[in-house]
C-alpha atoms as a PDB file:
ATOM      1  CA  MET A   1    -140.305   2.920-102.727  1.00  0.00           C
ATOM      2  CA  ASN A   2    -142.050   1.140 -99.512  1.00  0.00           C
ATOM      3  CA  LEU A   3    -142.527   4.705 -98.274  1.00  0.00           C
ATOM      4  CA  LEU A   4    -143.802   5.728-102.026  1.00  0.00           C
ATOM      5  CA  MET A   5    -146.175   2.842-100.801  1.00  0.00           C
ATOM      6  CA  ILE A   6    -147.445   3.519 -97.315  1.00  0.00           C
ATOM      7  CA  GLY A   7    -148.071   7.154 -98.458  1.00  0.00           C
ATOM      8  CA  LEU A   8    -150.364   5.521-101.584  1.00  0.00           C
ATOM      9  CA  GLY A   9    -152.075   3.180 -98.689  1.00  0.00           C
ATOM     10  CA  GLY A  10    -152.406   5.885 -96.207  1.00  0.00           C
ATOM     11  CA  SER A  11    -154.044   8.600 -98.297  1.00  0.00           C
ATOM     12  CA  ILE A  12    -156.445   6.215 -99.913  1.00  0.00           C
ATOM     13  CA  GLY A  13    -157.244   4.769 -96.615  1.00  0.00           C
ATOM     14  CA  ALA A  14    -157.801   7.994 -94.774  1.00  0.00           C
ATOM     15  CA  ILE A  15    -159.643   9.305 -97.826  1.00  0.00           C
ATOM     16  CA  SER A  16    -162.100   5.893 -97.525  1.00  0.00           C
ATOM     17  CA  ARG A  17    -162.538   6.089 -94.239  1.00  0.00           C
ATOM     18  CA  TYR A  18    -163.835  10.391 -94.313  1.00  0.00           C
ATOM     19  CA  SER A  19    -166.191   8.928 -96.579  1.00  0.00           C
ATOM     20  CA  LEU A  20    -167.578   5.761 -95.393  1.00  0.00           C
ATOM     21  CA  ASN A  21    -167.702   7.630 -91.715  1.00  0.00           C
ATOM     22  CA  GLU A  22    -169.722  10.264 -93.457  1.00  0.00           C
ATOM     23  CA  LEU A  23    -171.620   7.640 -95.293  1.00  0.00           C
ATOM     24  CA  LEU A  24    -173.031   6.190 -91.954  1.00  0.00           C
ATOM     25  CA  ILE A  25    -173.285   9.514 -90.306  1.00  0.00           C
ATOM     26  CA  LYS A  26    -176.108   9.708 -92.659  1.00  0.00           C
ATOM     27  CA  ILE A  27    -177.690   6.492 -92.725  1.00  0.00           C
ATOM     28  CA  MET A  28    -177.517   6.347 -88.835  1.00  0.00           C
ATOM     29  CA  PRO A  29    -177.033   9.314 -87.116  1.00  0.00           C
ATOM     30  CA  THR A  30    -177.220   8.998 -83.542  1.00  0.00           C
ATOM     31  CA  MET A  31    -175.331  10.358 -80.340  1.00  0.00           C
ATOM     32  CA  ALA A  32    -173.265   7.442 -79.848  1.00  0.00           C
ATOM     33  CA  PRO A  33    -170.115   7.373 -83.052  1.00  0.00           C
ATOM     34  CA  LEU A  34    -171.513   4.283 -84.932  1.00  0.00           C
ATOM     35  CA  GLY A  35    -169.309   4.937 -88.115  1.00  0.00           C
ATOM     36  CA  THR A  36    -165.683   4.874 -86.424  1.00  0.00           C
ATOM     37  CA  LEU A  37    -166.781   1.589 -84.692  1.00  0.00           C
ATOM     38  CA  CYS A  38    -167.816   0.127 -87.866  1.00  0.00           C
ATOM     39  CA  ILE A  39    -164.009   1.174 -89.858  1.00  0.00           C
ATOM     40  CA  ASN A  40    -162.549  -0.042 -87.094  1.00  0.00           C
ATOM     41  CA  ILE A  41    -164.196  -3.435 -87.098  1.00  0.00           C
ATOM     42  CA  VAL A  42    -163.722  -3.304 -90.681  1.00  0.00           C
ATOM     43  CA  GLY A  43    -160.285  -2.581 -90.503  1.00  0.00           C
ATOM     44  CA  CYS A  44    -159.649  -5.074 -88.087  1.00  0.00           C
ATOM     45  CA  LEU A  45    -161.250  -7.861 -89.451  1.00  0.00           C
ATOM     46  CA  LEU A  46    -159.613  -7.161 -92.872  1.00  0.00           C
ATOM     47  CA  ILE A  47    -156.025  -7.272 -90.831  1.00  0.00           C
ATOM     48  CA  GLY A  48    -156.926 -10.512 -89.437  1.00  0.00           C
ATOM     49  CA  MET A  49    -157.816 -11.840 -92.949  1.00  0.00           C
ATOM     50  CA  TYR A  50    -154.583 -10.225 -94.655  1.00  0.00           C
ATOM     51  CA  LEU A  51    -152.042 -11.554 -91.888  1.00  0.00           C
ATOM     52  CA  GLY A  52    -153.662 -14.523 -90.511  1.00  0.00           C
ATOM     53  CA  ASN A  53    -151.454 -16.532 -87.600  1.00  0.00           C
ATOM     54  CA  SER A  54    -148.526 -15.417 -89.214  1.00  0.00           C
ATOM     55  CA  MET A  55    -146.514 -12.596 -90.418  1.00  0.00           C
ATOM     56  CA  PRO A  56    -146.409 -12.230 -94.180  1.00  0.00           C
ATOM     57  CA  ILE A  57    -143.161 -10.898 -96.192  1.00  0.00           C
ATOM     58  CA  LYS A  58    -142.826  -7.123 -95.801  1.00  0.00           C
ATOM     59  CA  ASP A  59    -143.000  -6.593 -99.760  1.00  0.00           C
ATOM     60  CA  SER A  60    -144.753  -3.640-101.525  1.00  0.00           C
ATOM     61  CA  SER A  61    -148.666  -5.067-100.365  1.00  0.00           C
ATOM     62  CA  TYR A  62    -148.094  -5.160 -97.153  1.00  0.00           C
ATOM     63  CA  TYR A  63    -146.675  -1.777 -97.206  1.00  0.00           C
ATOM     64  CA  PHE A  64    -149.501  -0.138 -99.168  1.00  0.00           C
ATOM     65  CA  PHE A  65    -151.929  -2.407 -97.414  1.00  0.00           C
ATOM     66  CA  VAL A  66    -150.998  -2.769 -94.484  1.00  0.00           C
ATOM     67  CA  ILE A  67    -148.875   0.013 -92.675  1.00  0.00           C
ATOM     68  CA  GLY A  68    -150.143   2.245 -95.101  1.00  0.00           C
ATOM     69  CA  PHE A  69    -154.212   1.619 -96.097  1.00  0.00           C
ATOM     70  CA  LEU A  70    -155.202  -0.064 -92.516  1.00  0.00           C
ATOM     71  CA  GLY A  71    -153.154   2.650 -90.424  1.00  0.00           C
ATOM     72  CA  SER A  72    -155.276   5.423 -91.832  1.00  0.00           C
ATOM     73  CA  PHE A  73    -158.301   3.732 -92.252  1.00  0.00           C
ATOM     74  CA  THR A  74    -158.525   2.355 -88.558  1.00  0.00           C
ATOM     75  CA  THR A  75    -157.647   4.994 -86.367  1.00  0.00           C
ATOM     76  CA  MET A  76    -157.512   4.899 -82.182  1.00  0.00           C
ATOM     77  CA  SER A  77    -157.585   8.913 -82.727  1.00  0.00           C
ATOM     78  CA  ALA A  78    -161.248   9.283 -83.343  1.00  0.00           C
ATOM     79  CA  PHE A  79    -161.694   6.390 -81.210  1.00  0.00           C
ATOM     80  CA  THR A  80    -160.103   9.012 -78.028  1.00  0.00           C
ATOM     81  CA  HIS A  81    -161.895  11.643 -79.430  1.00  0.00           C
ATOM     82  CA  HIS A  82    -165.517  10.450 -80.227  1.00  0.00           C
ATOM     83  CA  THR A  83    -165.119   8.795 -76.383  1.00  0.00           C
ATOM     84  CA  ILE A  84    -163.009  11.783 -74.418  1.00  0.00           C
ATOM     85  CA  GLN A  85    -166.701  13.709 -75.912  1.00  0.00           C
ATOM     86  CA  LEU A  86    -169.013  10.724 -74.621  1.00  0.00           C
ATOM     87  CA  ILE A  87    -167.426  11.119 -71.064  1.00  0.00           C
ATOM     88  CA  ASN A  88    -168.639  14.752 -71.638  1.00  0.00           C
ATOM     89  CA  THR A  89    -171.542  14.083 -72.066  1.00  0.00           C
ATOM     90  CA  ASN A  90    -172.845  10.502 -71.058  1.00  0.00           C
ATOM     91  CA  THR A  91    -170.831   8.047 -68.958  1.00  0.00           C
ATOM     92  CA  LEU A  92    -172.630   5.289 -69.121  1.00  0.00           C
ATOM     93  CA  ILE A  93    -172.667   5.431 -73.120  1.00  0.00           C
ATOM     94  CA  ALA A  94    -168.925   6.182 -73.358  1.00  0.00           C
ATOM     95  CA  THR A  95    -168.153   2.641 -71.545  1.00  0.00           C
ATOM     96  CA  SER A  96    -170.424   0.881 -73.310  1.00  0.00           C
ATOM     97  CA  TYR A  97    -169.062   1.978 -76.647  1.00  0.00           C
ATOM     98  CA  ILE A  98    -165.229   1.675 -75.221  1.00  0.00           C
ATOM     99  CA  ILE A  99    -166.131  -2.069 -74.197  1.00  0.00           C
ATOM    100  CA  THR A 100    -167.354  -2.645 -77.458  1.00  0.00           C
ATOM    101  CA  SER A 101    -164.915  -1.712 -79.597  1.00  0.00           C
ATOM    102  CA  ILE A 102    -162.442  -3.400 -77.762  1.00  0.00           C
ATOM    103  CA  PHE A 103    -164.034  -6.830 -77.966  1.00  0.00           C
ATOM    104  CA  LEU A 104    -165.488  -6.368 -81.335  1.00  0.00           C
ATOM    105  CA  CYS A 105    -162.424  -5.361 -82.549  1.00  0.00           C
ATOM    106  CA  ILE A 106    -160.548  -7.960 -81.501  1.00  0.00           C
ATOM    107  CA  PHE A 107    -162.899 -10.362 -81.955  1.00  0.00           C
ATOM    108  CA  ALA A 108    -163.053  -9.226 -85.876  1.00  0.00           C
ATOM    109  CA  THR A 109    -159.651  -9.884 -86.112  1.00  0.00           C
ATOM    110  CA  TYR A 110    -159.853 -13.119 -84.792  1.00  0.00           C
ATOM    111  CA  ILE A 111    -162.729 -13.753 -87.145  1.00  0.00           C
ATOM    112  CA  GLY A 112    -160.015 -12.456 -89.721  1.00  0.00           C
ATOM    113  CA  THR A 113    -157.364 -14.827 -88.809  1.00  0.00           C
ATOM    114  CA  LEU A 114    -160.252 -18.002 -89.443  1.00  0.00           C
ATOM    115  CA  ILE A 115    -160.752 -16.462 -92.629  1.00  0.00           C
ATOM    116  CA  SER A 116    -157.280 -16.630 -93.851  1.00  0.00           C
ATOM    117  CA  ARG A 117    -156.633 -20.186 -92.752  1.00  0.00           C
END
C-alpha cells in the first residue's frame, strides 16, 4: 500500500512541478531558472510545515505527501541541470543561483517548522 501511495503522490508531484514550471516560465521569462527555484522553495516550506520539529508517524499521508508528492515536486536533478547550464553561460549567475537556492530552501524549511508549531 505504501508503494501505491508513493507512486500516486509522485505522479501528482511531477505533473504539478512541470505545470507550475511552465507557467512560471511564461510569467517570468528570464535566463535564471526561477521556476525551479520557486518550486523548490515552496516544497521546502511545505515539508517544514508537515514535518515540523519532529518526525511524524509514517502513515499513508506521509508516504503520499512527503515521499511521493514532495519527493517529485522538488528536484535536485533540475537544480543541478540548470546550474550546469548557467555555469556554461554565466558563472556569476550560476554562483548566485546556487547560494540563493540553498539559503532560501533552508530558510523556507525553517519557516515551515515555525508555522507548524
